[in-house]
Amino acid sequence: MMFIESRGNDGVKPPKVGFSEAILNPSASFGGLYVPEEIPKIESSFLKDHLGSSYKELAYSILKKFNIDIEDSLINEALSLYDKFDDPRNPVPVKKVEENLYISELYHGPTRAFKDMALQPFGYILAKLAKQREENYLILAATSGDTGPATLESFKDRDNIKVVCLYPDGGTSDVQRLQMVTEDGKNLKVIGIIGDFDDAQNALKNLLSSK
């Protein structure tokens, strides 16, 4: 499956790319993103077949429906990172609150941030693709608390990847700050700035738009 631009084409960036290219170069024309060209149809039989599946098995089957240009072994290796969650078979437990009301608990990952769900496998895949291409990537992140720890944990000590993370000094919880400043990955740099999250985000936007 190809991924298409969400805001039209500017004549410079490719209007369609594969999944791996969308991961490595996600910025599309006019500030847009690359999105799936179509959403695969999920039949009721598919759901029935996966009633007893683990989260990893279900995630793998759904990803296969998108026919992405990533080999099966890499997908499975990335999904195996859910083994670091509290319950490897069910990293997103659904708890009943009351009749007809259920809540998905998204805080069972290594940093307790909901963003672990996406960033754990994503970081692994991106680093592997960068290594295959013999390219180096710099990840720039601005955080108000959740994104920073999850990003740093995901990319820690990954080959071909470096991460610079900005956070507002005094603008995160003590736990989140300690999660970031105590990360010891050789490829990580954490910087507390004077200002708020908007200042951190604007600094990165200005950097990315500069020549």
N, C-alpha and C. Protein backbone atom coordinates (compact mmCIF):
# COMPACT_ATOMS: atom_id res chain seq x y z
N MET A 1 0.84 -1.20 0.00
CA MET A 1 0.00 0.00 0.00
C MET A 1 0.87 1.25 0.00
N MET A 2 0.43 2.26 -0.72
CA MET A 2 1.13 3.54 -0.74
C MET A 2 0.50 4.50 0.26
N PHE A 3 1.27 5.50 0.63
CA PHE A 3 0.80 6.55 1.53
C PHE A 3 0.80 7.87 0.77
N ILE A 4 -0.30 8.62 0.90
CA ILE A 4 -0.49 9.83 0.11
C ILE A 4 -0.45 11.07 0.99
N GLU A 5 -0.21 12.21 0.37
CA GLU A 5 -0.14 13.47 1.11
C GLU A 5 -1.53 13.93 1.55
N SER A 6 -1.58 14.51 2.72
CA SER A 6 -2.88 14.92 3.28
C SER A 6 -3.33 16.30 2.81
N ARG A 7 -2.43 17.08 2.20
CA ARG A 7 -2.79 18.45 1.81
C ARG A 7 -2.44 18.77 0.36
N GLY A 8 -2.41 17.78 -0.49
CA GLY A 8 -2.06 18.03 -1.88
C GLY A 8 -0.55 18.07 -2.07
N ASN A 9 -0.12 18.25 -3.32
CA ASN A 9 1.29 18.19 -3.64
C ASN A 9 1.83 19.55 -4.08
N ASP A 10 3.04 19.87 -3.63
CA ASP A 10 3.65 21.15 -3.97
C ASP A 10 4.61 21.06 -5.15
N GLY A 11 4.69 19.90 -5.77
CA GLY A 11 5.58 19.72 -6.91
C GLY A 11 7.01 19.42 -6.53
N VAL A 12 7.30 19.39 -5.24
CA VAL A 12 8.65 19.13 -4.77
C VAL A 12 8.74 17.76 -4.09
N LYS A 13 7.84 17.52 -3.16
CA LYS A 13 7.84 16.26 -2.44
C LYS A 13 7.00 15.22 -3.18
N PRO A 14 7.36 13.94 -3.03
CA PRO A 14 6.61 12.90 -3.75
C PRO A 14 5.17 12.81 -3.27
N PRO A 15 4.21 12.69 -4.20
CA PRO A 15 2.80 12.61 -3.80
C PRO A 15 2.44 11.28 -3.15
N LYS A 16 3.23 10.23 -3.43
CA LYS A 16 2.99 8.91 -2.85
C LYS A 16 4.32 8.30 -2.42
N VAL A 17 4.31 7.65 -1.27
CA VAL A 17 5.51 6.97 -0.78
C VAL A 17 5.10 5.66 -0.12
N GLY A 18 6.07 4.78 0.07
CA GLY A 18 5.82 3.56 0.82
C GLY A 18 5.86 3.83 2.31
N PHE A 19 5.51 2.83 3.09
CA PHE A 19 5.44 2.98 4.55
C PHE A 19 6.80 3.37 5.14
N SER A 20 7.86 2.71 4.69
CA SER A 20 9.18 2.99 5.26
C SER A 20 9.61 4.42 4.98
N GLU A 21 9.33 4.92 3.78
CA GLU A 21 9.68 6.30 3.45
C GLU A 21 8.83 7.28 4.26
N ALA A 22 7.57 6.94 4.50
CA ALA A 22 6.70 7.80 5.30
C ALA A 22 7.19 7.91 6.74
N ILE A 23 7.80 6.85 7.25
CA ILE A 23 8.35 6.87 8.60
C ILE A 23 9.60 7.74 8.66
N LEU A 24 10.48 7.54 7.69
CA LEU A 24 11.77 8.24 7.71
C LEU A 24 11.65 9.71 7.32
N ASN A 25 10.71 10.02 6.44
CA ASN A 25 10.51 11.40 6.00
C ASN A 25 9.02 11.74 6.02
N PRO A 26 8.45 11.96 7.20
CA PRO A 26 7.00 12.09 7.34
C PRO A 26 6.42 13.43 6.90
N SER A 27 7.26 14.43 6.72
CA SER A 27 6.75 15.76 6.39
C SER A 27 6.38 15.84 4.91
N ALA A 28 5.10 16.06 4.62
CA ALA A 28 4.61 16.13 3.25
C ALA A 28 4.43 17.59 2.83
N SER A 29 3.86 17.81 1.66
CA SER A 29 3.68 19.16 1.12
C SER A 29 2.77 20.02 2.00
N PHE A 30 3.06 21.30 2.04
CA PHE A 30 2.23 22.29 2.73
C PHE A 30 2.03 21.97 4.21
N GLY A 31 3.05 21.37 4.82
CA GLY A 31 2.97 21.05 6.24
C GLY A 31 2.10 19.86 6.57
N GLY A 32 1.72 19.09 5.57
CA GLY A 32 0.87 17.92 5.80
C GLY A 32 1.67 16.68 6.18
N LEU A 33 0.99 15.57 6.21
CA LEU A 33 1.60 14.29 6.55
C LEU A 33 1.24 13.27 5.48
N TYR A 34 1.89 12.12 5.54
CA TYR A 34 1.53 11.01 4.67
C TYR A 34 0.56 10.09 5.41
N VAL A 35 -0.53 9.75 4.76
CA VAL A 35 -1.57 8.90 5.36
C VAL A 35 -1.85 7.74 4.42
N PRO A 36 -2.41 6.63 4.93
CA PRO A 36 -2.71 5.48 4.06
C PRO A 36 -3.63 5.87 2.91
N GLU A 37 -3.34 5.33 1.73
CA GLU A 37 -4.16 5.63 0.55
C GLU A 37 -5.58 5.12 0.72
N GLU A 38 -5.73 4.05 1.47
CA GLU A 38 -7.05 3.52 1.78
C GLU A 38 -6.99 2.78 3.11
N ILE A 39 -8.12 2.63 3.75
CA ILE A 39 -8.21 1.90 5.01
C ILE A 39 -8.72 0.49 4.71
N PRO A 40 -7.94 -0.53 5.04
CA PRO A 40 -8.38 -1.90 4.76
C PRO A 40 -9.69 -2.22 5.48
N LYS A 41 -10.50 -3.02 4.84
CA LYS A 41 -11.77 -3.42 5.43
C LYS A 41 -11.54 -4.57 6.41
N ILE A 42 -12.11 -4.44 7.58
CA ILE A 42 -12.02 -5.48 8.60
C ILE A 42 -13.36 -6.20 8.66
N GLU A 43 -13.36 -7.45 8.27
CA GLU A 43 -14.59 -8.24 8.28
C GLU A 43 -14.89 -8.73 9.69
N SER A 44 -16.14 -9.08 9.93
CA SER A 44 -16.53 -9.62 11.24
C SER A 44 -15.81 -10.93 11.51
N SER A 45 -15.51 -11.68 10.45
CA SER A 45 -14.79 -12.95 10.61
C SER A 45 -13.38 -12.72 11.15
N PHE A 46 -12.77 -11.62 10.74
CA PHE A 46 -11.44 -11.27 11.23
C PHE A 46 -11.49 -11.04 12.74
N LEU A 47 -12.50 -10.32 13.19
CA LEU A 47 -12.63 -10.05 14.63
C LEU A 47 -12.88 -11.33 15.41
N LYS A 48 -13.72 -12.20 14.87
CA LYS A 48 -14.00 -13.47 15.54
C LYS A 48 -12.75 -14.32 15.64
N ASP A 49 -11.95 -14.32 14.57
CA ASP A 49 -10.73 -15.13 14.55
C ASP A 49 -9.70 -14.65 15.57
N HIS A 50 -9.83 -13.40 15.99
CA HIS A 50 -8.83 -12.84 16.90
C HIS A 50 -9.36 -12.59 18.31
N LEU A 51 -10.48 -13.17 18.63
CA LEU A 51 -11.03 -12.98 19.97
C LEU A 51 -10.08 -13.46 21.06
N GLY A 52 -9.33 -14.52 20.77
CA GLY A 52 -8.40 -15.05 21.76
C GLY A 52 -6.96 -14.70 21.50
N SER A 53 -6.72 -13.78 20.58
CA SER A 53 -5.35 -13.42 20.21
C SER A 53 -4.71 -12.51 21.26
N SER A 54 -3.39 -12.57 21.31
CA SER A 54 -2.67 -11.60 22.12
C SER A 54 -2.66 -10.26 21.41
N TYR A 55 -2.27 -9.21 22.11
CA TYR A 55 -2.21 -7.88 21.49
C TYR A 55 -1.24 -7.88 20.32
N LYS A 56 -0.09 -8.54 20.50
CA LYS A 56 0.91 -8.58 19.43
C LYS A 56 0.38 -9.29 18.20
N GLU A 57 -0.33 -10.38 18.39
CA GLU A 57 -0.89 -11.13 17.26
C GLU A 57 -1.92 -10.30 16.51
N LEU A 58 -2.76 -9.60 17.25
CA LEU A 58 -3.77 -8.74 16.62
C LEU A 58 -3.11 -7.58 15.87
N ALA A 59 -2.13 -6.95 16.50
CA ALA A 59 -1.43 -5.83 15.86
C ALA A 59 -0.74 -6.28 14.58
N TYR A 60 -0.12 -7.45 14.62
CA TYR A 60 0.56 -7.98 13.43
C TYR A 60 -0.43 -8.20 12.29
N SER A 61 -1.56 -8.81 12.61
CA SER A 61 -2.56 -9.11 11.58
C SER A 61 -3.13 -7.83 10.96
N ILE A 62 -3.33 -6.80 11.78
CA ILE A 62 -3.84 -5.53 11.26
C ILE A 62 -2.80 -4.86 10.37
N LEU A 63 -1.55 -4.86 10.81
CA LEU A 63 -0.49 -4.25 10.00
C LEU A 63 -0.35 -4.96 8.65
N LYS A 64 -0.52 -6.27 8.64
CA LYS A 64 -0.40 -7.03 7.39
C LYS A 64 -1.48 -6.62 6.40
N LYS A 65 -2.63 -6.21 6.90
CA LYS A 65 -3.71 -5.78 6.00
C LYS A 65 -3.34 -4.49 5.25
N PHE A 66 -2.41 -3.73 5.80
CA PHE A 66 -1.97 -2.52 5.12
C PHE A 66 -0.89 -2.81 4.07
N ASN A 67 -0.41 -4.05 4.05
CA ASN A 67 0.58 -4.46 3.04
C ASN A 67 1.77 -3.50 2.99
N ILE A 68 2.33 -3.21 4.15
CA ILE A 68 3.44 -2.25 4.23
C ILE A 68 4.74 -2.90 3.76
N ASP A 69 5.68 -2.06 3.35
CA ASP A 69 6.94 -2.55 2.79
C ASP A 69 7.99 -2.78 3.88
N ILE A 70 7.59 -3.48 4.92
CA ILE A 70 8.48 -3.86 6.02
C ILE A 70 8.42 -5.38 6.14
N GLU A 71 9.59 -6.02 6.21
CA GLU A 71 9.59 -7.48 6.28
C GLU A 71 8.98 -7.97 7.59
N ASP A 72 8.39 -9.16 7.51
CA ASP A 72 7.69 -9.73 8.66
C ASP A 72 8.58 -9.83 9.89
N SER A 73 9.83 -10.21 9.69
CA SER A 73 10.73 -10.39 10.83
C SER A 73 10.91 -9.08 11.60
N LEU A 74 11.00 -7.97 10.88
CA LEU A 74 11.17 -6.67 11.53
C LEU A 74 9.90 -6.26 12.27
N ILE A 75 8.75 -6.53 11.67
CA ILE A 75 7.48 -6.23 12.35
C ILE A 75 7.39 -6.99 13.67
N ASN A 76 7.71 -8.28 13.63
CA ASN A 76 7.61 -9.10 14.83
C ASN A 76 8.63 -8.68 15.89
N GLU A 77 9.83 -8.32 15.45
CA GLU A 77 10.84 -7.85 16.40
C GLU A 77 10.36 -6.56 17.09
N ALA A 78 9.76 -5.67 16.31
CA ALA A 78 9.27 -4.42 16.88
C ALA A 78 8.14 -4.67 17.87
N LEU A 79 7.21 -5.54 17.49
CA LEU A 79 6.08 -5.83 18.37
C LEU A 79 6.51 -6.57 19.63
N SER A 80 7.65 -7.25 19.58
CA SER A 80 8.13 -7.97 20.76
C SER A 80 8.51 -7.02 21.89
N LEU A 81 8.63 -5.73 21.59
CA LEU A 81 8.93 -4.76 22.64
C LEU A 81 7.77 -4.61 23.62
N TYR A 82 6.59 -5.05 23.22
CA TYR A 82 5.48 -5.06 24.17
C TYR A 82 5.72 -6.06 25.30
N ASP A 83 6.73 -6.92 25.14
CA ASP A 83 7.06 -7.85 26.21
C ASP A 83 7.60 -7.12 27.44
N LYS A 84 8.03 -5.86 27.26
CA LYS A 84 8.54 -5.07 28.38
C LYS A 84 7.43 -4.43 29.19
N PHE A 85 6.19 -4.55 28.71
CA PHE A 85 5.05 -3.98 29.44
C PHE A 85 4.67 -4.90 30.60
N ASP A 86 3.79 -4.43 31.46
CA ASP A 86 3.44 -5.19 32.65
C ASP A 86 2.91 -6.58 32.31
N ASP A 87 2.06 -6.66 31.30
CA ASP A 87 1.51 -7.94 30.85
C ASP A 87 1.83 -8.08 29.36
N PRO A 88 2.85 -8.86 29.00
CA PRO A 88 3.26 -8.97 27.60
C PRO A 88 2.14 -9.40 26.66
N ARG A 89 1.24 -10.24 27.13
CA ARG A 89 0.17 -10.71 26.26
C ARG A 89 -0.92 -9.65 26.09
N ASN A 90 -1.11 -8.84 27.11
CA ASN A 90 -2.17 -7.84 27.06
C ASN A 90 -1.65 -6.51 27.62
N PRO A 91 -0.84 -5.78 26.83
CA PRO A 91 -0.27 -4.53 27.32
C PRO A 91 -1.28 -3.40 27.49
N VAL A 92 -2.48 -3.58 26.92
CA VAL A 92 -3.54 -2.57 27.05
C VAL A 92 -4.78 -3.22 27.67
N PRO A 93 -4.76 -3.46 28.95
CA PRO A 93 -5.93 -4.08 29.57
C PRO A 93 -7.15 -3.17 29.52
N VAL A 94 -8.29 -3.75 29.27
CA VAL A 94 -9.55 -3.01 29.25
C VAL A 94 -10.32 -3.36 30.52
N LYS A 95 -10.59 -2.37 31.32
CA LYS A 95 -11.24 -2.59 32.62
C LYS A 95 -12.67 -2.06 32.60
N LYS A 96 -13.55 -2.85 33.18
CA LYS A 96 -14.95 -2.45 33.27
C LYS A 96 -15.13 -1.49 34.44
N VAL A 97 -15.72 -0.35 34.17
CA VAL A 97 -15.99 0.64 35.21
C VAL A 97 -17.40 0.45 35.76
N GLU A 98 -18.34 0.32 34.84
CA GLU A 98 -19.73 0.04 35.19
C GLU A 98 -20.39 -0.55 33.95
N GLU A 99 -21.66 -0.81 34.02
CA GLU A 99 -22.37 -1.42 32.89
C GLU A 99 -22.21 -0.56 31.63
N ASN A 100 -21.73 -1.20 30.56
CA ASN A 100 -21.54 -0.54 29.26
C ASN A 100 -20.50 0.57 29.28
N LEU A 101 -19.60 0.55 30.26
CA LEU A 101 -18.53 1.55 30.32
C LEU A 101 -17.21 0.86 30.64
N TYR A 102 -16.29 0.94 29.69
CA TYR A 102 -14.98 0.30 29.84
C TYR A 102 -13.88 1.32 29.57
N ILE A 103 -12.73 1.10 30.16
CA ILE A 103 -11.59 2.00 29.98
C ILE A 103 -10.36 1.19 29.58
N SER A 104 -9.66 1.66 28.54
CA SER A 104 -8.38 1.07 28.15
C SER A 104 -7.28 1.72 28.97
N GLU A 105 -6.49 0.93 29.65
CA GLU A 105 -5.39 1.45 30.45
C GLU A 105 -4.13 1.50 29.59
N LEU A 106 -3.66 2.71 29.32
CA LEU A 106 -2.54 2.91 28.41
C LEU A 106 -1.25 3.28 29.14
N TYR A 107 -1.16 2.92 30.41
CA TYR A 107 -0.01 3.36 31.20
C TYR A 107 0.85 2.20 31.71
N HIS A 108 0.84 1.09 31.01
CA HIS A 108 1.57 -0.08 31.50
C HIS A 108 2.91 -0.29 30.81
N GLY A 109 3.40 0.74 30.09
CA GLY A 109 4.68 0.64 29.40
C GLY A 109 5.85 1.04 30.28
N PRO A 110 7.06 1.04 29.72
CA PRO A 110 8.27 1.29 30.52
C PRO A 110 8.34 2.68 31.15
N THR A 111 7.71 3.70 30.54
CA THR A 111 7.75 5.04 31.14
C THR A 111 6.41 5.45 31.75
N ARG A 112 5.42 4.58 31.66
CA ARG A 112 4.07 4.84 32.18
C ARG A 112 3.34 5.92 31.39
N ALA A 113 3.85 6.31 30.25
CA ALA A 113 3.17 7.27 29.39
C ALA A 113 2.41 6.52 28.30
N PHE A 114 1.26 7.04 27.90
CA PHE A 114 0.47 6.36 26.87
C PHE A 114 1.23 6.29 25.55
N LYS A 115 2.19 7.18 25.36
CA LYS A 115 2.93 7.21 24.10
C LYS A 115 3.89 6.03 23.95
N ASP A 116 4.12 5.29 25.01
CA ASP A 116 4.90 4.05 24.89
C ASP A 116 4.27 3.10 23.88
N MET A 117 2.95 3.12 23.79
CA MET A 117 2.24 2.20 22.91
C MET A 117 2.74 2.33 21.47
N ALA A 118 2.91 3.54 21.00
CA ALA A 118 3.36 3.75 19.62
C ALA A 118 4.88 3.82 19.52
N LEU A 119 5.51 4.49 20.48
CA LEU A 119 6.94 4.77 20.35
C LEU A 119 7.83 3.56 20.57
N GLN A 120 7.40 2.59 21.36
CA GLN A 120 8.25 1.42 21.56
C GLN A 120 8.52 0.69 20.24
N PRO A 121 7.51 0.24 19.51
CA PRO A 121 7.80 -0.41 18.23
C PRO A 121 8.31 0.57 17.17
N PHE A 122 7.82 1.80 17.18
CA PHE A 122 8.23 2.78 16.16
C PHE A 122 9.72 3.06 16.22
N GLY A 123 10.25 3.27 17.42
CA GLY A 123 11.67 3.56 17.56
C GLY A 123 12.54 2.44 17.03
N TYR A 124 12.11 1.22 17.28
CA TYR A 124 12.88 0.07 16.81
C TYR A 124 12.89 0.01 15.28
N ILE A 125 11.72 0.18 14.67
CA ILE A 125 11.62 0.12 13.21
C ILE A 125 12.41 1.24 12.56
N LEU A 126 12.28 2.46 13.07
CA LEU A 126 12.99 3.59 12.47
C LEU A 126 14.50 3.38 12.53
N ALA A 127 14.99 2.91 13.67
CA ALA A 127 16.43 2.69 13.81
C ALA A 127 16.93 1.60 12.87
N LYS A 128 16.15 0.54 12.71
CA LYS A 128 16.54 -0.54 11.81
C LYS A 128 16.57 -0.07 10.36
N LEU A 129 15.58 0.72 9.97
CA LEU A 129 15.54 1.24 8.60
C LEU A 129 16.72 2.18 8.35
N ALA A 130 17.04 3.01 9.32
CA ALA A 130 18.18 3.92 9.18
C ALA A 130 19.47 3.14 9.01
N LYS A 131 19.62 2.07 9.77
CA LYS A 131 20.83 1.25 9.67
C LYS A 131 20.90 0.55 8.32
N GLN A 132 19.77 0.03 7.84
CA GLN A 132 19.75 -0.63 6.54
C GLN A 132 20.16 0.32 5.43
N ARG A 133 19.76 1.58 5.55
CA ARG A 133 20.06 2.58 4.52
C ARG A 133 21.43 3.23 4.73
N GLU A 134 22.07 2.89 5.84
CA GLU A 134 23.35 3.50 6.21
C GLU A 134 23.22 5.02 6.30
N GLU A 135 22.12 5.45 6.93
CA GLU A 135 21.85 6.87 7.14
C GLU A 135 21.75 7.15 8.64
N ASN A 136 22.03 8.39 9.01
CA ASN A 136 21.91 8.82 10.40
C ASN A 136 20.77 9.83 10.54
N TYR A 137 20.03 9.71 11.62
CA TYR A 137 18.87 10.58 11.83
C TYR A 137 18.96 11.25 13.19
N LEU A 138 18.56 12.52 13.22
CA LEU A 138 18.48 13.28 14.46
C LEU A 138 17.01 13.52 14.78
N ILE A 139 16.58 13.03 15.93
CA ILE A 139 15.21 13.21 16.39
C ILE A 139 15.17 14.44 17.31
N LEU A 140 14.37 15.43 16.94
CA LEU A 140 14.19 16.62 17.76
C LEU A 140 12.82 16.56 18.42
N ALA A 141 12.79 16.66 19.74
CA ALA A 141 11.53 16.55 20.46
C ALA A 141 11.37 17.69 21.45
N ALA A 142 10.15 18.20 21.54
CA ALA A 142 9.79 19.15 22.59
C ALA A 142 8.69 18.49 23.40
N THR A 143 8.78 18.59 24.70
CA THR A 143 7.82 17.87 25.54
C THR A 143 7.33 18.70 26.71
N SER A 144 6.10 18.43 27.09
CA SER A 144 5.56 19.00 28.33
C SER A 144 5.47 17.92 29.40
N GLY A 145 5.96 16.72 29.07
CA GLY A 145 5.97 15.67 30.08
C GLY A 145 5.95 14.26 29.55
N ASP A 146 4.96 13.89 28.73
CA ASP A 146 4.80 12.51 28.29
C ASP A 146 5.74 12.12 27.15
N THR A 147 5.82 12.99 26.14
CA THR A 147 6.57 12.65 24.93
C THR A 147 8.04 12.42 25.21
N GLY A 148 8.64 13.26 26.04
CA GLY A 148 10.07 13.18 26.30
C GLY A 148 10.53 11.84 26.83
N PRO A 149 10.03 11.41 28.00
CA PRO A 149 10.47 10.12 28.53
C PRO A 149 10.22 8.96 27.57
N ALA A 150 9.06 8.94 26.90
CA ALA A 150 8.74 7.84 25.99
C ALA A 150 9.67 7.83 24.78
N THR A 151 9.98 9.02 24.25
CA THR A 151 10.89 9.12 23.10
C THR A 151 12.29 8.69 23.48
N LEU A 152 12.79 9.18 24.59
CA LEU A 152 14.14 8.85 25.03
C LEU A 152 14.28 7.35 25.29
N GLU A 153 13.30 6.77 25.94
CA GLU A 153 13.34 5.33 26.23
C GLU A 153 13.31 4.51 24.95
N SER A 154 12.53 4.96 23.98
CA SER A 154 12.39 4.22 22.72
C SER A 154 13.67 4.21 21.91
N PHE A 155 14.37 5.35 21.86
CA PHE A 155 15.55 5.48 20.99
C PHE A 155 16.87 5.30 21.73
N LYS A 156 16.83 5.04 23.01
CA LYS A 156 18.05 4.93 23.80
C LYS A 156 19.01 3.89 23.23
N ASP A 157 20.24 4.33 22.94
CA ASP A 157 21.32 3.46 22.45
C ASP A 157 21.01 2.79 21.12
N ARG A 158 20.09 3.34 20.35
CA ARG A 158 19.82 2.81 19.01
C ARG A 158 20.90 3.31 18.05
N ASP A 159 21.37 2.41 17.19
CA ASP A 159 22.36 2.79 16.19
C ASP A 159 21.74 3.75 15.17
N ASN A 160 22.56 4.66 14.66
CA ASN A 160 22.18 5.59 13.59
C ASN A 160 21.13 6.63 13.99
N ILE A 161 20.85 6.73 15.29
CA ILE A 161 19.84 7.68 15.78
C ILE A 161 20.42 8.50 16.92
N LYS A 162 20.19 9.80 16.87
CA LYS A 162 20.49 10.68 18.00
C LYS A 162 19.20 11.44 18.35
N VAL A 163 19.04 11.78 19.63
CA VAL A 163 17.84 12.47 20.09
C VAL A 163 18.22 13.69 20.91
N VAL A 164 17.61 14.82 20.58
CA VAL A 164 17.70 16.03 21.41
C VAL A 164 16.30 16.35 21.88
N CYS A 165 16.14 16.43 23.19
CA CYS A 165 14.81 16.66 23.78
C CYS A 165 14.82 17.93 24.63
N LEU A 166 13.93 18.86 24.29
CA LEU A 166 13.77 20.09 25.06
C LEU A 166 12.54 20.00 25.95
N TYR A 167 12.68 20.48 27.18
CA TYR A 167 11.52 20.53 28.07
C TYR A 167 11.56 21.83 28.86
N PRO A 168 10.41 22.37 29.25
CA PRO A 168 10.39 23.60 30.05
C PRO A 168 10.80 23.29 31.49
N ASP A 169 11.89 23.90 31.92
CA ASP A 169 12.37 23.66 33.28
C ASP A 169 11.31 24.15 34.27
N GLY A 170 10.83 23.24 35.11
CA GLY A 170 9.76 23.57 36.04
C GLY A 170 8.38 23.38 35.46
N GLY A 171 8.31 22.96 34.19
CA GLY A 171 7.01 22.80 33.53
C GLY A 171 6.56 21.37 33.37
N THR A 172 7.29 20.43 33.97
CA THR A 172 6.88 19.03 33.97
C THR A 172 6.77 18.56 35.41
N SER A 173 6.24 17.38 35.59
CA SER A 173 6.22 16.82 36.95
C SER A 173 7.65 16.41 37.33
N ASP A 174 7.91 16.28 38.61
CA ASP A 174 9.24 15.87 39.07
C ASP A 174 9.59 14.49 38.53
N VAL A 175 8.60 13.61 38.49
CA VAL A 175 8.85 12.26 37.98
C VAL A 175 9.27 12.31 36.52
N GLN A 176 8.54 13.07 35.71
CA GLN A 176 8.86 13.17 34.29
C GLN A 176 10.24 13.79 34.07
N ARG A 177 10.56 14.81 34.83
CA ARG A 177 11.89 15.44 34.71
C ARG A 177 12.99 14.45 35.04
N LEU A 178 12.80 13.72 36.13
CA LEU A 178 13.81 12.74 36.53
C LEU A 178 13.93 11.61 35.51
N GLN A 179 12.81 11.21 34.92
CA GLN A 179 12.87 10.19 33.88
C GLN A 179 13.78 10.63 32.74
N MET A 180 13.70 11.91 32.40
CA MET A 180 14.48 12.41 31.26
C MET A 180 15.95 12.65 31.62
N VAL A 181 16.20 13.36 32.71
CA VAL A 181 17.58 13.76 33.01
C VAL A 181 18.44 12.60 33.51
N THR A 182 17.81 11.50 33.92
CA THR A 182 18.59 10.34 34.37
C THR A 182 18.78 9.30 33.28
N GLU A 183 18.22 9.51 32.09
CA GLU A 183 18.47 8.59 30.98
C GLU A 183 19.96 8.62 30.63
N ASP A 184 20.55 7.44 30.48
CA ASP A 184 22.00 7.39 30.27
C ASP A 184 22.39 6.90 28.88
N GLY A 185 21.46 6.94 27.93
CA GLY A 185 21.80 6.52 26.58
C GLY A 185 22.86 7.41 25.97
N LYS A 186 23.81 6.80 25.27
CA LYS A 186 24.94 7.54 24.71
C LYS A 186 24.52 8.47 23.57
N ASN A 187 23.33 8.27 23.04
CA ASN A 187 22.86 9.05 21.88
C ASN A 187 21.78 10.07 22.25
N LEU A 188 21.65 10.36 23.54
CA LEU A 188 20.56 11.24 24.01
C LEU A 188 21.10 12.54 24.58
N LYS A 189 20.39 13.64 24.34
CA LYS A 189 20.71 14.93 24.94
C LYS A 189 19.42 15.57 25.42
N VAL A 190 19.35 15.90 26.69
CA VAL A 190 18.15 16.48 27.29
C VAL A 190 18.48 17.89 27.77
N ILE A 191 17.65 18.86 27.38
CA ILE A 191 17.92 20.26 27.71
C ILE A 191 16.67 20.89 28.33
N GLY A 192 16.82 21.40 29.54
CA GLY A 192 15.75 22.16 30.17
C GLY A 192 15.88 23.63 29.80
N ILE A 193 14.81 24.23 29.31
CA ILE A 193 14.87 25.63 28.88
C ILE A 193 14.10 26.53 29.83
N ILE A 194 14.45 27.81 29.81
CA ILE A 194 13.67 28.81 30.54
C ILE A 194 12.52 29.22 29.64
N GLY A 195 11.31 28.92 30.05
CA GLY A 195 10.14 29.18 29.23
C GLY A 195 9.13 28.06 29.39
N ASP A 196 8.11 28.08 28.54
CA ASP A 196 7.09 27.04 28.62
C ASP A 196 7.19 26.10 27.42
N PHE A 197 6.23 25.19 27.31
CA PHE A 197 6.26 24.20 26.23
C PHE A 197 6.21 24.87 24.86
N ASP A 198 5.40 25.92 24.72
CA ASP A 198 5.31 26.62 23.44
C ASP A 198 6.67 27.17 23.01
N ASP A 199 7.44 27.66 23.97
CA ASP A 199 8.78 28.17 23.65
C ASP A 199 9.67 27.04 23.14
N ALA A 200 9.58 25.88 23.79
CA ALA A 200 10.38 24.74 23.36
C ALA A 200 9.98 24.29 21.96
N GLN A 201 8.68 24.21 21.73
CA GLN A 201 8.18 23.77 20.43
C GLN A 201 8.54 24.77 19.33
N ASN A 202 8.40 26.05 19.63
CA ASN A 202 8.73 27.08 18.63
C ASN A 202 10.21 27.08 18.29
N ALA A 203 11.05 26.79 19.29
CA ALA A 203 12.49 26.73 19.03
C ALA A 203 12.81 25.63 18.02
N LEU A 204 12.15 24.49 18.16
CA LEU A 204 12.38 23.39 17.22
C LEU A 204 11.79 23.71 15.85
N LYS A 205 10.62 24.33 15.82
CA LYS A 205 10.02 24.70 14.53
C LYS A 205 10.92 25.67 13.77
N ASN A 206 11.48 26.65 14.49
CA ASN A 206 12.38 27.61 13.86
C ASN A 206 13.64 26.93 13.35
N LEU A 207 14.13 25.97 14.12
CA LEU A 207 15.32 25.24 13.71
C LEU A 207 15.06 24.42 12.46
N LEU A 208 13.93 23.76 12.41
CA LEU A 208 13.60 22.91 11.27
C LEU A 208 13.33 23.72 10.01
N SER A 209 12.84 24.95 10.17
CA SER A 209 12.52 25.77 9.01
C SER A 209 13.70 26.62 8.54
N SER A 210 14.77 26.65 9.33
CA SER A 210 15.93 27.46 8.97
C SER A 210 16.80 26.73 7.95
N LYS A 211 17.59 27.46 7.24
CA LYS A 211 18.50 26.89 6.25
C LYS A 211 19.83 26.52 6.89
